[in-house]
Protein backbone atom coordinates (compact mmCIF):
# COMPACT_ATOMS: atom_id res chain seq x y z
CA MET A 1 -1.34 -18.99 9.87
CA ASN A 2 -4.43 -18.77 7.68
CA ARG A 3 -3.68 -16.82 4.48
CA TYR A 4 -6.76 -14.61 4.85
CA VAL A 5 -5.94 -13.75 8.46
CA ALA A 6 -2.38 -12.90 7.41
CA LEU A 7 -3.60 -10.50 4.71
CA ILE A 8 -6.11 -8.80 7.01
CA LEU A 9 -3.56 -8.35 9.81
CA GLY A 10 -0.95 -7.00 7.40
CA ALA A 11 -3.36 -4.52 5.81
CA SER A 12 -4.59 -3.39 9.24
CA LEU A 13 -1.04 -2.52 10.28
CA TRP A 14 -0.60 -0.49 7.11
CA GLY A 15 -3.55 1.55 8.28
CA VAL A 16 -1.45 3.09 11.08
CA ILE A 17 1.16 4.55 8.71
CA GLY A 18 -0.54 7.94 8.80
CA ILE A 19 -0.30 8.15 12.59
CA PHE A 20 3.46 7.64 12.52
CA ALA A 21 3.83 10.10 9.64
CA SER A 22 1.84 12.81 11.42
CA VAL A 23 3.89 12.42 14.62
CA LEU A 24 7.23 12.48 12.80
CA MET A 25 6.26 15.52 10.74
CA LYS A 26 5.89 17.40 14.02
CA TYR A 27 9.60 16.71 14.56
CA ASN A 28 10.21 18.36 11.16
CA LEU A 29 10.97 15.17 9.24
CA ILE A 30 10.18 15.52 5.55
CA SER A 31 8.25 12.81 3.71
CA GLU A 32 11.36 11.39 2.03
CA GLN A 33 13.04 10.94 5.42
CA ILE A 34 10.00 9.16 6.82
CA GLY A 35 9.97 6.87 3.81
CA PHE A 36 13.69 6.17 4.21
CA PHE A 37 13.38 5.28 7.89
CA ARG A 38 10.37 3.06 7.20
CA LEU A 39 12.36 1.01 4.70
CA PHE A 40 15.67 1.12 6.58
CA PHE A 41 14.29 -0.04 9.92
CA GLY A 42 11.94 -2.41 8.12
CA CYS A 43 15.02 -4.00 6.55
CA LEU A 44 16.88 -4.05 9.88
CA GLY A 45 13.96 -5.72 11.65
CA LEU A 46 13.79 -8.45 9.01
CA ILE A 47 17.56 -9.03 9.15
CA ILE A 48 17.38 -9.62 12.90
CA TYR A 49 14.46 -12.00 12.43
CA ALA A 50 16.20 -13.83 9.57
CA LEU A 51 19.34 -14.35 11.67
CA THR A 52 17.33 -15.98 14.46
CA LYS A 53 15.60 -18.30 11.97
CA ARG A 54 18.70 -18.95 9.84
CA TYR A 55 17.13 -17.81 6.58
CA ARG A 56 19.33 -17.76 3.50
CA PHE A 57 20.55 -14.34 2.35
CA LYS A 58 21.74 -15.40 -1.10
CA LEU A 59 19.29 -14.64 -3.90
CA THR A 60 18.89 -16.07 -7.37
CA LYS A 61 19.35 -13.72 -10.32
CA LYS A 62 15.59 -13.53 -10.73
CA GLU A 63 15.06 -12.71 -7.05
CA PHE A 64 17.83 -10.10 -7.11
CA GLY A 65 16.36 -8.36 -10.15
CA PHE A 66 12.93 -8.46 -8.57
CA SER A 67 14.32 -6.91 -5.38
CA VAL A 68 15.81 -4.00 -7.33
CA ILE A 69 12.53 -3.35 -9.16
CA MET A 70 10.46 -3.64 -6.00
CA GLY A 71 12.93 -1.42 -4.17
CA LEU A 72 12.34 1.30 -6.75
CA ILE A 73 8.59 0.81 -6.44
CA GLN A 74 8.83 1.07 -2.65
CA CYS A 75 10.87 4.26 -2.99
CA LEU A 76 8.29 5.89 -5.26
CA PHE A 77 5.33 4.67 -3.21
CA ASN A 78 6.70 6.00 0.08
CA MET A 79 7.62 9.36 -1.44
CA PHE A 80 4.19 9.83 -3.03
CA TYR A 81 2.13 8.54 -0.12
CA PHE A 82 3.86 10.46 2.67
CA LYS A 83 3.81 13.66 0.64
CA ALA A 84 0.11 13.10 -0.02
CA ILE A 85 -0.47 12.79 3.75
CA GLN A 86 1.41 16.05 4.22
CA HIS A 87 -0.82 17.86 1.72
CA VAL A 88 -4.29 16.34 2.21
CA GLY A 89 -4.19 14.43 5.52
CA VAL A 90 -4.24 10.77 6.48
CA ALA A 91 -7.87 9.99 5.61
CA VAL A 92 -7.92 11.55 2.14
CA ALA A 93 -4.49 10.10 1.28
CA ALA A 94 -5.74 6.63 2.23
CA VAL A 95 -8.86 7.12 0.11
CA LEU A 96 -6.79 8.16 -2.90
CA LEU A 97 -4.47 5.20 -2.37
CA TYR A 98 -7.43 2.85 -2.62
CA THR A 99 -8.25 3.95 -6.12
CA SER A 100 -5.57 1.35 -6.96
CA PRO A 101 -8.16 -1.27 -8.12
CA ILE A 102 -8.98 1.11 -10.98
CA PHE A 103 -5.39 1.05 -12.16
CA LEU A 104 -5.15 -2.71 -11.73
CA ALA A 105 -8.08 -3.04 -14.13
CA LEU A 106 -6.60 -0.56 -16.60
CA PHE A 107 -3.18 -2.22 -16.50
CA SER A 108 -4.74 -5.62 -17.13
CA LYS A 109 -6.51 -4.20 -20.18
CA LEU A 110 -3.42 -2.43 -21.50
CA PHE A 111 -0.75 -5.06 -20.88
CA TYR A 112 -2.68 -8.34 -20.69
CA LYS A 113 -5.55 -7.53 -23.08
CA GLU A 114 -8.14 -8.47 -20.46
CA ASN A 115 -11.72 -7.45 -21.09
CA ILE A 116 -13.18 -4.65 -18.95
CA ASP A 117 -16.69 -6.04 -18.77
CA LEU A 118 -19.85 -4.42 -17.41
CA ARG A 119 -19.10 -5.63 -13.88
CA LYS A 120 -15.71 -3.90 -13.91
CA LYS A 121 -17.17 -0.74 -15.41
CA TYR A 122 -19.71 -0.52 -12.58
CA SER A 123 -16.90 -1.09 -10.10
CA LEU A 124 -14.74 1.65 -11.60
CA LEU A 125 -17.67 4.06 -11.53
CA LEU A 126 -18.40 3.30 -7.86
CA CYS A 127 -14.75 3.73 -6.95
CA PHE A 128 -14.53 7.05 -8.81
CA LEU A 129 -17.73 8.41 -7.25
CA GLY A 130 -16.68 7.26 -3.79
CA CYS A 131 -13.32 8.95 -4.16
CA ILE A 132 -14.90 12.23 -5.27
CA ILE A 133 -17.35 12.16 -2.34
CA CYS A 134 -14.61 11.41 0.20
CA VAL A 135 -12.21 14.04 -1.06
CA THR A 136 -14.80 16.81 -1.44
CA GLY A 137 -17.14 15.87 1.41
CA GLY A 138 -19.99 16.40 -1.03
CA ASN A 139 -18.93 19.99 -1.71
CA LEU A 140 -17.86 20.32 -5.33
CA ASN A 141 -15.93 23.54 -4.65
CA PHE A 142 -12.45 22.29 -5.54
CA THR A 143 -10.65 25.55 -4.71
CA ASN A 144 -9.85 24.37 -1.18
CA ILE A 145 -8.42 21.01 -2.26
CA SER A 146 -4.69 20.61 -2.85
CA LEU A 147 -4.11 19.63 -6.47
CA ILE A 148 -0.59 18.49 -5.62
CA GLY A 149 -1.98 16.33 -2.81
CA LEU A 150 -4.51 14.75 -5.17
CA LEU A 151 -1.88 13.97 -7.79
CA LEU A 152 0.48 12.51 -5.19
CA GLY A 153 -2.30 10.35 -3.74
CA ILE A 154 -3.27 9.04 -7.16
CA GLY A 155 0.41 8.51 -7.96
CA SER A 156 0.76 6.36 -4.85
CA ALA A 157 -2.21 4.29 -6.05
CA VAL A 158 -0.64 3.74 -9.48
CA VAL A 159 2.61 2.55 -7.91
CA TYR A 160 0.82 0.50 -5.25
CA ALA A 161 -1.12 -1.39 -7.92
CA ASN A 162 2.15 -2.91 -9.14
CA ILE A 163 3.12 -4.50 -5.81
CA PRO A 164 0.80 -7.55 -5.69
CA THR A 165 0.93 -8.04 -9.45
CA ILE A 166 4.72 -8.33 -9.52
CA GLY A 167 5.16 -9.93 -6.12
CA LYS A 168 2.82 -12.87 -6.46
CA GLY A 169 4.98 -14.74 -8.94
CA VAL A 170 8.21 -14.34 -6.99
CA PHE A 171 7.44 -14.74 -3.29
CA LYS A 172 7.52 -18.28 -1.95
CA ASP A 173 7.65 -19.76 1.52
CA ASP A 174 11.40 -20.29 1.46
CA ASN A 175 12.47 -16.90 0.10
CA GLN A 176 9.95 -14.21 1.02
CA ILE A 177 11.89 -12.83 4.02
CA SER A 178 15.18 -12.78 2.09
CA VAL A 179 13.63 -11.01 -0.90
CA LEU A 180 11.89 -8.50 1.36
CA ILE A 181 15.20 -7.68 3.08
CA TYR A 182 16.82 -6.75 -0.22
CA THR A 183 13.68 -4.99 -1.43
CA PHE A 184 13.67 -2.70 1.60
CA LEU A 185 17.44 -2.25 1.37
CA PHE A 186 17.32 -1.13 -2.26
CA GLY A 187 14.30 1.06 -1.53
CA ALA A 188 16.15 2.82 1.29
CA VAL A 189 19.24 3.30 -0.91
CA PHE A 190 17.11 4.80 -3.70
CA MET A 191 15.64 7.28 -1.21
CA ILE A 192 18.96 8.56 0.16
CA PRO A 193 19.46 11.27 -2.52
CA PHE A 194 16.09 12.80 -1.57
CA ALA A 195 16.26 12.38 2.21
CA ARG A 196 18.88 14.98 3.24
CA LEU A 197 21.51 12.50 4.34
CA GLU A 198 23.11 14.94 6.77
CA ASP A 199 19.93 15.00 8.88
CA LEU A 200 19.32 11.24 9.00
CA VAL A 201 22.05 10.46 11.54
CA GLY A 202 20.76 13.19 13.81
CA TYR A 203 17.26 11.71 13.87
CA MET A 204 18.63 8.19 14.49
CA THR A 205 20.62 9.41 17.50
CA ASN A 206 17.81 11.55 18.92
CA ILE A 207 16.26 9.82 21.94
CA LYS A 208 12.84 11.26 21.04
CA THR A 209 12.68 10.26 17.38
CA LEU A 210 14.64 6.97 17.42
CA PRO A 211 11.89 4.86 19.09
CA ILE A 212 9.27 6.28 16.72
CA ILE A 213 11.20 5.64 13.50
CA ALA A 214 12.21 2.17 14.72
CA LEU A 215 8.57 1.30 15.41
CA LEU A 216 7.60 2.81 12.05
CA GLY A 217 9.82 0.28 10.28
CA LEU A 218 8.76 -2.65 12.43
CA VAL A 219 5.00 -2.01 12.62
CA THR A 220 4.35 -0.67 9.11
CA ALA A 221 6.98 -2.52 7.05
CA SER A 222 8.65 -5.61 8.57
CA ILE A 223 5.57 -7.25 10.06
CA PRO A 224 2.80 -6.29 7.60
CA TYR A 225 4.77 -7.01 4.42
CA SER A 226 5.85 -10.39 5.82
CA LEU A 227 2.20 -11.22 6.55
CA TYR A 228 1.00 -9.81 3.21
CA PHE A 229 3.40 -11.72 0.98
CA TYR A 230 2.94 -14.84 3.08
CA GLY A 231 -0.76 -14.55 2.26
CA ILE A 232 -0.40 -13.98 -1.49
CA SER A 233 2.14 -16.80 -1.78
CA LYS A 234 -0.59 -19.28 -0.70
CA LYS A 235 -2.37 -19.59 -4.06
CA ILE A 236 -4.86 -16.81 -3.37
CA GLU A 237 -6.40 -14.87 -6.26
CA LEU A 238 -5.23 -11.26 -6.61
CA SER A 239 -8.89 -10.25 -6.81
CA LYS A 240 -9.43 -11.49 -3.25
CA VAL A 241 -6.26 -9.72 -2.13
CA GLY A 242 -7.87 -6.41 -3.11
CA VAL A 243 -10.98 -7.17 -1.08
CA LEU A 244 -9.10 -8.18 2.07
CA SER A 245 -6.61 -5.31 1.83
CA SER A 246 -9.42 -2.74 1.86
CA ILE A 247 -9.38 -2.98 5.66
CA GLU A 248 -6.37 -0.63 5.51
CA LEU A 249 -8.61 2.17 4.27
CA VAL A 250 -11.08 1.66 7.12
CA VAL A 251 -8.34 1.61 9.77
CA ALA A 252 -6.61 4.69 8.33
CA VAL A 253 -9.79 6.77 8.15
CA ILE A 254 -10.96 5.79 11.65
CA LEU A 255 -7.55 6.61 13.16
CA GLY A 256 -7.32 9.87 11.23
CA TRP A 257 -10.66 10.92 12.68
CA SER A 258 -10.35 9.53 16.24
CA VAL A 259 -6.64 10.13 16.93
CA LEU A 260 -5.62 13.03 14.71
CA GLY A 261 -8.94 14.87 14.80
CA GLU A 262 -9.34 15.01 11.03
CA PRO A 263 -12.82 16.05 9.86
CA PHE A 264 -15.27 13.25 9.23
CA SER A 265 -18.92 13.20 8.26
CA PHE A 266 -21.68 10.87 7.15
CA ILE A 267 -21.16 11.86 3.52
CA LYS A 268 -17.48 10.86 3.72
CA PHE A 269 -18.49 7.59 5.35
CA PHE A 270 -20.86 7.03 2.42
CA GLY A 271 -18.01 7.68 -0.01
CA ILE A 272 -15.78 5.15 1.73
CA ALA A 273 -18.62 2.62 1.65
CA LEU A 274 -18.92 3.13 -2.12
CA MET A 275 -15.20 2.56 -2.60
CA ILE A 276 -15.20 -0.64 -0.56
CA ALA A 277 -18.34 -1.79 -2.40
CA SER A 278 -16.57 -1.17 -5.71
CA VAL A 279 -13.84 -3.63 -4.74
CA PHE A 280 -16.42 -6.31 -3.98
CA VAL A 281 -18.30 -5.61 -7.23
CA MET A 282 -15.08 -5.95 -9.24
CA ASN A 283 -14.18 -9.18 -7.49
CA VAL A 284 -17.33 -11.27 -7.63
CA THR A 285 -16.86 -14.96 -6.92
CA GLU A 286 -15.40 -17.25 -9.50
CA GLU A 287 -18.54 -19.33 -9.30
CA ASN A 288 -20.51 -16.48 -10.85
CA GLU A 289 -17.90 -16.01 -13.56
CA SER A 290 -17.74 -19.71 -14.38
CA ILE A 291 -21.29 -19.80 -15.72
CA LYS A 292 -20.14 -17.77 -18.72
CA PRO A 293 -19.33 -20.17 -21.58
CA ASN A 294 -16.44 -18.07 -22.93
CA TYR A 295 -14.77 -17.65 -19.56
CA LYS A 296 -11.20 -18.97 -19.50
CA VAL A 297 -10.08 -20.58 -16.27
CA GLY A 298 -6.50 -19.37 -16.59
CA GLN A 299 -7.45 -15.78 -17.34
CA GLN A 300 -6.00 -13.28 -14.86
CA LYS A 301 -8.53 -11.07 -13.16
CA ALA A 302 -7.83 -7.58 -11.98
């Protein structure tokens, strides 16, 4: 499969997370339980697939350590993101999640000493303005906006920004499924203390909730992450990953409006357009960058 197609398909499937979350919350599942089931059934789906394809389950020390770290990241991301959906809705949570390019740029400056040039500054400004417009709808009266929801949404973006950065150097064709299995497994284990263990068995044996949580794991974890890491393992720049993954935001907002009846307006559409534009501004083509005499070919770009 083409690497770009894989990334777009994976990101599109992530866009339906909010639909599953909204349905499951009506059955009184808390955000931690939704996150647990997403990772647990995501792991189970990959195990079944791996058995049919005879993938190896033994990891190297590096892969094992990576799986533990990524499992913790998955735990935090799912907790933050599903709680954000609970407080501010699917559309706004998705918008806040896609402030992640800002944090990618800041992390690259802090840890890798990369220069935040004028192009990146314009991009960060567009992303910030777009986020403000989407969240407020153009009304700067912040009294009706959940501060907890905003912080959780931004927290999910901070955690999310670590996934492609860490994952790109570890995932390869011959190990990505195996590493994902352990990543989801560790993530689910980390979530157990927060997920009210006594209720989990009841939801898994309930004929109404079992199909939903099983599909949650398959549709929003097993399949999209397999496609996503397949894509980034094919020598694709992380900058382009950010551009292609922005389709998740579009899918999430459209579904939140059309399926869940969340409020939408032209001004919010304009805000989303600014955020998507900011990703493209930050990730101009390498051909444009290469005309600068001091540009280093091996330099990582946020």
